[in-house]
Amino acid sequence: MKKIFFLVLFGFFSFWVLAQNADSSYVGVDTTLASYQLGRKIGEWFPFVMLVIIVLLYIRGAYRHGDQKHKIEE
């Protein structure tokens, strides 16, 4: 599960970096108007989405950790 999460995270991050640096100097990168606009949208939402994912993972980890403590006490 962690491997899949990090692969998806890396894919989003690499696409975001490409979108931020999208210009005609990259050979083989499609910089048509549609893909550029999509890259701009992803670039705008990427930090917010990553923050939400990190917070959810933190809450999940804290919940699991608390659950394990409870089981040990029993």
PDB file of N, CA and C in Angstrom:
ATOM      1  N   MET A   1       0.832  -1.203   0.000  1.00  0.00           N
ATOM      2  CA  MET A   1       0.000   0.000   0.000  1.00  0.00           C
ATOM      3  C   MET A   1       0.872   1.260   0.000  1.00  0.00           C
ATOM      4  N   LYS A   2       1.931   1.237   0.818  1.00  0.00           N
ATOM      5  CA  LYS A   2       2.816   2.403   0.870  1.00  0.00           C
ATOM      6  C   LYS A   2       3.520   2.616  -0.464  1.00  0.00           C
ATOM      7  N   LYS A   3       3.923   1.500  -1.124  1.00  0.00           N
ATOM      8  CA  LYS A   3       4.613   1.627  -2.410  1.00  0.00           C
ATOM      9  C   LYS A   3       3.707   2.282  -3.439  1.00  0.00           C
ATOM     10  N   ILE A   4       2.448   1.866  -3.474  1.00  0.00           N
ATOM     11  CA  ILE A   4       1.492   2.445  -4.428  1.00  0.00           C
ATOM     12  C   ILE A   4       1.306   3.927  -4.135  1.00  0.00           C
ATOM     13  N   PHE A   5       1.178   4.275  -2.864  1.00  0.00           N
ATOM     14  CA  PHE A   5       0.998   5.676  -2.481  1.00  0.00           C
ATOM     15  C   PHE A   5       2.178   6.520  -2.946  1.00  0.00           C
ATOM     16  N   PHE A   6       3.406   6.021  -2.718  1.00  0.00           N
ATOM     17  CA  PHE A   6       4.575   6.803  -3.103  1.00  0.00           C
ATOM     18  C   PHE A   6       4.737   6.872  -4.614  1.00  0.00           C
ATOM     19  N   LEU A   7       4.342   5.814  -5.333  1.00  0.00           N
ATOM     20  CA  LEU A   7       4.380   5.872  -6.797  1.00  0.00           C
ATOM     21  C   LEU A   7       3.419   6.928  -7.322  1.00  0.00           C
ATOM     22  N   VAL A   8       2.211   6.962  -6.785  1.00  0.00           N
ATOM     23  CA  VAL A   8       1.231   7.973  -7.200  1.00  0.00           C
ATOM     24  C   VAL A   8       1.731   9.368  -6.834  1.00  0.00           C
ATOM     25  N   LEU A   9       2.269   9.512  -5.638  1.00  0.00           N
ATOM     26  CA  LEU A   9       2.807  10.799  -5.198  1.00  0.00           C
ATOM     27  C   LEU A   9       3.928  11.262  -6.118  1.00  0.00           C
ATOM     28  N   PHE A  10       4.834  10.338  -6.473  1.00  0.00           N
ATOM     29  CA  PHE A  10       5.944  10.684  -7.362  1.00  0.00           C
ATOM     30  C   PHE A  10       5.433  11.067  -8.744  1.00  0.00           C
ATOM     31  N   GLY A  11       4.412  10.347  -9.231  1.00  0.00           N
ATOM     32  CA  GLY A  11       3.832  10.677 -10.531  1.00  0.00           C
ATOM     33  C   GLY A  11       3.226  12.066 -10.541  1.00  0.00           C
ATOM     34  N   PHE A  12       2.452  12.377  -9.510  1.00  0.00           N
ATOM     35  CA  PHE A  12       1.861  13.715  -9.411  1.00  0.00           C
ATOM     36  C   PHE A  12       2.944  14.788  -9.324  1.00  0.00           C
ATOM     37  N   PHE A  13       3.965  14.508  -8.513  1.00  0.00           N
ATOM     38  CA  PHE A  13       5.018  15.504  -8.319  1.00  0.00           C
ATOM     39  C   PHE A  13       5.795  15.748  -9.605  1.00  0.00           C
ATOM     40  N   SER A  14       6.130  14.665 -10.327  1.00  0.00           N
ATOM     41  CA  SER A  14       6.894  14.839 -11.563  1.00  0.00           C
ATOM     42  C   SER A  14       6.061  15.573 -12.610  1.00  0.00           C
ATOM     43  N   PHE A  15       4.761  15.262 -12.688  1.00  0.00           N
ATOM     44  CA  PHE A  15       3.892  15.967 -13.631  1.00  0.00           C
ATOM     45  C   PHE A  15       3.773  17.438 -13.248  1.00  0.00           C
ATOM     46  N   TRP A  16       3.714  17.701 -11.946  1.00  0.00           N
ATOM     47  CA  TRP A  16       3.621  19.079 -11.458  1.00  0.00           C
ATOM     48  C   TRP A  16       4.878  19.863 -11.816  1.00  0.00           C
ATOM     49  N   VAL A  17       6.050  19.225 -11.635  1.00  0.00           N
ATOM     50  CA  VAL A  17       7.311  19.897 -11.974  1.00  0.00           C
ATOM     51  C   VAL A  17       7.363  20.189 -13.465  1.00  0.00           C
ATOM     52  N   LEU A  18       6.943  19.208 -14.276  1.00  0.00           N
ATOM     53  CA  LEU A  18       6.913  19.438 -15.728  1.00  0.00           C
ATOM     54  C   LEU A  18       5.961  20.572 -16.072  1.00  0.00           C
ATOM     55  N   ALA A  19       4.823  20.615 -15.397  1.00  0.00           N
ATOM     56  CA  ALA A  19       3.841  21.663 -15.691  1.00  0.00           C
ATOM     57  C   ALA A  19       4.379  23.037 -15.300  1.00  0.00           C
ATOM     58  N   GLN A  20       5.140  23.110 -14.221  1.00  0.00           N
ATOM     59  CA  GLN A  20       5.698  24.392 -13.800  1.00  0.00           C
ATOM     60  C   GLN A  20       6.764  24.888 -14.770  1.00  0.00           C
ATOM     61  N   ASN A  21       7.487  23.942 -15.373  1.00  0.00           N
ATOM     62  CA  ASN A  21       8.590  24.310 -16.256  1.00  0.00           C
ATOM     63  C   ASN A  21       8.233  24.116 -17.728  1.00  0.00           C
ATOM     64  N   ALA A  22       6.943  24.073 -18.034  1.00  0.00           N
ATOM     65  CA  ALA A  22       6.528  23.768 -19.406  1.00  0.00           C
ATOM     66  C   ALA A  22       6.883  24.924 -20.342  1.00  0.00           C
ATOM     67  N   ASP A  23       7.823  24.670 -21.218  1.00  0.00           N
ATOM     68  CA  ASP A  23       8.097  25.602 -22.305  1.00  0.00           C
ATOM     69  C   ASP A  23       8.635  24.804 -23.491  1.00  0.00           C
ATOM     70  N   SER A  24       8.882  25.477 -24.594  1.00  0.00           N
ATOM     71  CA  SER A  24       9.220  24.773 -25.827  1.00  0.00           C
ATOM     72  C   SER A  24      10.643  24.227 -25.824  1.00  0.00           C
ATOM     73  N   SER A  25      11.441  24.519 -24.798  1.00  0.00           N
ATOM     74  CA  SER A  25      12.818  24.029 -24.781  1.00  0.00           C
ATOM     75  C   SER A  25      12.882  22.534 -24.463  1.00  0.00           C
ATOM     76  N   TYR A  26      11.825  21.981 -23.849  1.00  0.00           N
ATOM     77  CA  TYR A  26      11.794  20.544 -23.599  1.00  0.00           C
ATOM     78  C   TYR A  26      11.445  19.821 -24.887  1.00  0.00           C
ATOM     79  N   VAL A  27      12.321  18.923 -25.317  1.00  0.00           N
ATOM     80  CA  VAL A  27      12.068  18.159 -26.536  1.00  0.00           C
ATOM     81  C   VAL A  27      11.227  16.941 -26.167  1.00  0.00           C
ATOM     82  N   GLY A  28      10.147  16.738 -26.886  1.00  0.00           N
ATOM     83  CA  GLY A  28       9.311  15.571 -26.660  1.00  0.00           C
ATOM     84  C   GLY A  28       8.220  15.782 -25.631  1.00  0.00           C
ATOM     85  N   VAL A  29       8.155  16.950 -25.029  1.00  0.00           N
ATOM     86  CA  VAL A  29       7.081  17.235 -24.077  1.00  0.00           C
ATOM     87  C   VAL A  29       5.999  18.026 -24.799  1.00  0.00           C
ATOM     88  N   ASP A  30       4.786  17.523 -24.736  1.00  0.00           N
ATOM     89  CA  ASP A  30       3.681  18.168 -25.436  1.00  0.00           C
ATOM     90  C   ASP A  30       3.266  19.419 -24.668  1.00  0.00           C
ATOM     91  N   THR A  31       3.429  20.577 -25.286  1.00  0.00           N
ATOM     92  CA  THR A  31       3.067  21.826 -24.607  1.00  0.00           C
ATOM     93  C   THR A  31       1.942  22.531 -25.355  1.00  0.00           C
ATOM     94  N   THR A  32       0.973  21.756 -25.830  1.00  0.00           N
ATOM     95  CA  THR A  32      -0.184  22.382 -26.463  1.00  0.00           C
ATOM     96  C   THR A  32      -0.972  23.146 -25.408  1.00  0.00           C
ATOM     97  N   LEU A  33      -1.892  23.967 -25.865  1.00  0.00           N
ATOM     98  CA  LEU A  33      -2.642  24.828 -24.947  1.00  0.00           C
ATOM     99  C   LEU A  33      -3.422  24.013 -23.916  1.00  0.00           C
ATOM    100  N   ALA A  34      -4.053  22.917 -24.361  1.00  0.00           N
ATOM    101  CA  ALA A  34      -4.869  22.112 -23.443  1.00  0.00           C
ATOM    102  C   ALA A  34      -4.003  21.503 -22.340  1.00  0.00           C
ATOM    103  N   SER A  35      -2.871  20.920 -22.705  1.00  0.00           N
ATOM    104  CA  SER A  35      -2.026  20.288 -21.687  1.00  0.00           C
ATOM    105  C   SER A  35      -1.402  21.345 -20.783  1.00  0.00           C
ATOM    106  N   TYR A  36      -1.122  22.517 -21.335  1.00  0.00           N
ATOM    107  CA  TYR A  36      -0.565  23.597 -20.511  1.00  0.00           C
ATOM    108  C   TYR A  36      -1.589  24.067 -19.480  1.00  0.00           C
ATOM    109  N   GLN A  37      -2.848  24.204 -19.918  1.00  0.00           N
ATOM    110  CA  GLN A  37      -3.896  24.626 -18.982  1.00  0.00           C
ATOM    111  C   GLN A  37      -4.131  23.569 -17.906  1.00  0.00           C
ATOM    112  N   LEU A  38      -4.100  22.289 -18.316  1.00  0.00           N
ATOM    113  CA  LEU A  38      -4.254  21.208 -17.339  1.00  0.00           C
ATOM    114  C   LEU A  38      -3.110  21.257 -16.328  1.00  0.00           C
ATOM    115  N   GLY A  39      -1.901  21.477 -16.821  1.00  0.00           N
ATOM    116  CA  GLY A  39      -0.747  21.580 -15.933  1.00  0.00           C
ATOM    117  C   GLY A  39      -0.869  22.747 -14.970  1.00  0.00           C
ATOM    118  N   ARG A  40      -1.397  23.864 -15.449  1.00  0.00           N
ATOM    119  CA  ARG A  40      -1.586  25.029 -14.578  1.00  0.00           C
ATOM    120  C   ARG A  40      -2.606  24.718 -13.483  1.00  0.00           C
ATOM    121  N   LYS A  41      -3.707  24.032 -13.861  1.00  0.00           N
ATOM    122  CA  LYS A  41      -4.730  23.672 -12.867  1.00  0.00           C
ATOM    123  C   LYS A  41      -4.138  22.740 -11.806  1.00  0.00           C
ATOM    124  N   ILE A  42      -3.388  21.733 -12.262  1.00  0.00           N
ATOM    125  CA  ILE A  42      -2.768  20.798 -11.317  1.00  0.00           C
ATOM    126  C   ILE A  42      -1.770  21.541 -10.437  1.00  0.00           C
ATOM    127  N   GLY A  43      -1.027  22.473 -11.032  1.00  0.00           N
ATOM    128  CA  GLY A  43      -0.064  23.256 -10.266  1.00  0.00           C
ATOM    129  C   GLY A  43      -0.724  24.101  -9.191  1.00  0.00           C
ATOM    130  N   GLU A  44      -1.933  24.593  -9.486  1.00  0.00           N
ATOM    131  CA  GLU A  44      -2.652  25.397  -8.497  1.00  0.00           C
ATOM    132  C   GLU A  44      -3.182  24.536  -7.356  1.00  0.00           C
ATOM    133  N   TRP A  45      -3.673  23.331  -7.666  1.00  0.00           N
ATOM    134  CA  TRP A  45      -4.315  22.486  -6.661  1.00  0.00           C
ATOM    135  C   TRP A  45      -3.360  21.535  -5.961  1.00  0.00           C
ATOM    136  N   PHE A  46      -2.176  21.292  -6.554  1.00  0.00           N
ATOM    137  CA  PHE A  46      -1.251  20.284  -6.025  1.00  0.00           C
ATOM    138  C   PHE A  46      -0.874  20.511  -4.557  1.00  0.00           C
ATOM    139  N   PRO A  47      -0.440  21.715  -4.164  1.00  0.00           N
ATOM    140  CA  PRO A  47      -0.054  21.893  -2.749  1.00  0.00           C
ATOM    141  C   PRO A  47      -1.211  21.647  -1.786  1.00  0.00           C
ATOM    142  N   PHE A  48      -2.411  22.088  -2.155  1.00  0.00           N
ATOM    143  CA  PHE A  48      -3.583  21.888  -1.303  1.00  0.00           C
ATOM    144  C   PHE A  48      -3.904  20.401  -1.150  1.00  0.00           C
ATOM    145  N   VAL A  49      -3.885  19.673  -2.276  1.00  0.00           N
ATOM    146  CA  VAL A  49      -4.195  18.239  -2.244  1.00  0.00           C
ATOM    147  C   VAL A  49      -3.154  17.491  -1.415  1.00  0.00           C
ATOM    148  N   MET A  50      -1.878  17.829  -1.590  1.00  0.00           N
ATOM    149  CA  MET A  50      -0.825  17.158  -0.821  1.00  0.00           C
ATOM    150  C   MET A  50      -0.975  17.438   0.678  1.00  0.00           C
ATOM    151  N   LEU A  51      -1.341  18.663   1.032  1.00  0.00           N
ATOM    152  CA  LEU A  51      -1.550  19.006   2.437  1.00  0.00           C
ATOM    153  C   LEU A  51      -2.680  18.170   3.032  1.00  0.00           C
ATOM    154  N   VAL A  52      -3.784  18.030   2.297  1.00  0.00           N
ATOM    155  CA  VAL A  52      -4.919  17.229   2.773  1.00  0.00           C
ATOM    156  C   VAL A  52      -4.503  15.774   2.951  1.00  0.00           C
ATOM    157  N   ILE A  53      -3.762  15.224   1.973  1.00  0.00           N
ATOM    158  CA  ILE A  53      -3.329  13.825   2.058  1.00  0.00           C
ATOM    159  C   ILE A  53      -2.411  13.622   3.261  1.00  0.00           C
ATOM    160  N   ILE A  54      -1.480  14.552   3.473  1.00  0.00           N
ATOM    161  CA  ILE A  54      -0.550  14.430   4.600  1.00  0.00           C
ATOM    162  C   ILE A  54      -1.301  14.488   5.925  1.00  0.00           C
ATOM    163  N   VAL A  55      -2.275  15.392   6.038  1.00  0.00           N
ATOM    164  CA  VAL A  55      -3.060  15.501   7.272  1.00  0.00           C
ATOM    165  C   VAL A  55      -3.863  14.228   7.512  1.00  0.00           C
ATOM    166  N   LEU A  56      -4.481  13.684   6.459  1.00  0.00           N
ATOM    167  CA  LEU A  56      -5.255  12.448   6.608  1.00  0.00           C
ATOM    168  C   LEU A  56      -4.364  11.286   7.029  1.00  0.00           C
ATOM    169  N   LEU A  57      -3.176  11.187   6.436  1.00  0.00           N
ATOM    170  CA  LEU A  57      -2.257  10.115   6.818  1.00  0.00           C
ATOM    171  C   LEU A  57      -1.794  10.282   8.266  1.00  0.00           C
ATOM    172  N   TYR A  58      -1.567  11.524   8.681  1.00  0.00           N
ATOM    173  CA  TYR A  58      -1.154  11.781  10.063  1.00  0.00           C
ATOM    174  C   TYR A  58      -2.254  11.361  11.037  1.00  0.00           C
ATOM    175  N   ILE A  59      -3.501  11.731  10.714  1.00  0.00           N
ATOM    176  CA  ILE A  59      -4.634  11.362  11.572  1.00  0.00           C
ATOM    177  C   ILE A  59      -4.773   9.843  11.626  1.00  0.00           C
ATOM    178  N   ARG A  60      -4.639   9.189  10.463  1.00  0.00           N
ATOM    179  CA  ARG A  60      -4.754   7.732  10.402  1.00  0.00           C
ATOM    180  C   ARG A  60      -3.658   7.081  11.240  1.00  0.00           C
ATOM    181  N   GLY A  61      -2.437   7.597  11.119  1.00  0.00           N
ATOM    182  CA  GLY A  61      -1.329   7.047  11.893  1.00  0.00           C
ATOM    183  C   GLY A  61      -1.517   7.254  13.382  1.00  0.00           C
ATOM    184  N   ALA A  62      -1.981   8.434  13.770  1.00  0.00           N
ATOM    185  CA  ALA A  62      -2.215   8.721  15.185  1.00  0.00           C
ATOM    186  C   ALA A  62      -3.333   7.834  15.725  1.00  0.00           C
ATOM    187  N   TYR A  63      -4.373   7.619  14.922  1.00  0.00           N
ATOM    188  CA  TYR A  63      -5.486   6.774  15.349  1.00  0.00           C
ATOM    189  C   TYR A  63      -5.011   5.340  15.543  1.00  0.00           C
ATOM    190  N   ARG A  64      -4.222   4.844  14.581  1.00  0.00           N
ATOM    191  CA  ARG A  64      -3.718   3.473  14.694  1.00  0.00           C
ATOM    192  C   ARG A  64      -2.808   3.334  15.909  1.00  0.00           C
ATOM    193  N   HIS A  65      -1.972   4.329  16.136  1.00  0.00           N
ATOM    194  CA  HIS A  65      -1.052   4.279  17.268  1.00  0.00           C
ATOM    195  C   HIS A  65      -1.844   4.260  18.578  1.00  0.00           C
ATOM    196  N   GLY A  66      -2.862   5.080  18.676  1.00  0.00           N
ATOM    197  CA  GLY A  66      -3.705   5.102  19.864  1.00  0.00           C
ATOM    198  C   GLY A  66      -4.455   3.800  20.051  1.00  0.00           C
ATOM    199  N   ASP A  67      -4.879   3.196  18.947  1.00  0.00           N
ATOM    200  CA  ASP A  67      -5.595   1.931  18.994  1.00  0.00           C
ATOM    201  C   ASP A  67      -4.678   0.831  19.525  1.00  0.00           C
ATOM    202  N   GLN A  68      -3.422   0.842  19.109  1.00  0.00           N
ATOM    203  CA  GLN A  68      -2.475  -0.167  19.581  1.00  0.00           C
ATOM    204  C   GLN A  68      -2.204   0.005  21.075  1.00  0.00           C
ATOM    205  N   LYS A  69      -2.109   1.230  21.542  1.00  0.00           N
ATOM    206  CA  LYS A  69      -1.906   1.477  22.977  1.00  0.00           C
ATOM    207  C   LYS A  69      -3.078   0.907  23.778  1.00  0.00           C
ATOM    208  N   HIS A  70      -4.273   1.124  23.260  1.00  0.00           N
ATOM    209  CA  HIS A  70      -5.471   0.642  23.936  1.00  0.00           C
ATOM    210  C   HIS A  70      -5.452  -0.884  24.029  1.00  0.00           C
ATOM    211  N   LYS A  71      -5.031  -1.549  22.962  1.00  0.00           N
ATOM    212  CA  LYS A  71      -4.991  -3.016  22.962  1.00  0.00           C
ATOM    213  C   LYS A  71      -3.957  -3.535  23.956  1.00  0.00           C
ATOM    214  N   ILE A  72      -2.834  -2.828  24.071  1.00  0.00           N
ATOM    215  CA  ILE A  72      -1.782  -3.260  24.994  1.00  0.00           C
ATOM    216  C   ILE A  72      -2.275  -3.166  26.439  1.00  0.00           C
ATOM    217  N   GLU A  73      -3.021  -2.109  26.757  1.00  0.00           N
ATOM    218  CA  GLU A  73      -3.517  -1.920  28.121  1.00  0.00           C
ATOM    219  C   GLU A  73      -4.504  -3.006  28.520  1.00  0.00           C
ATOM    220  N   GLU A  74      -5.262  -3.516  27.555  1.00  0.00           N
ATOM    221  CA  GLU A  74      -6.217  -4.588  27.872  1.00  0.00           C
ATOM    222  C   GLU A  74      -5.451  -5.851  28.159  1.00  0.00           C
TER     223      GLU A  74
END
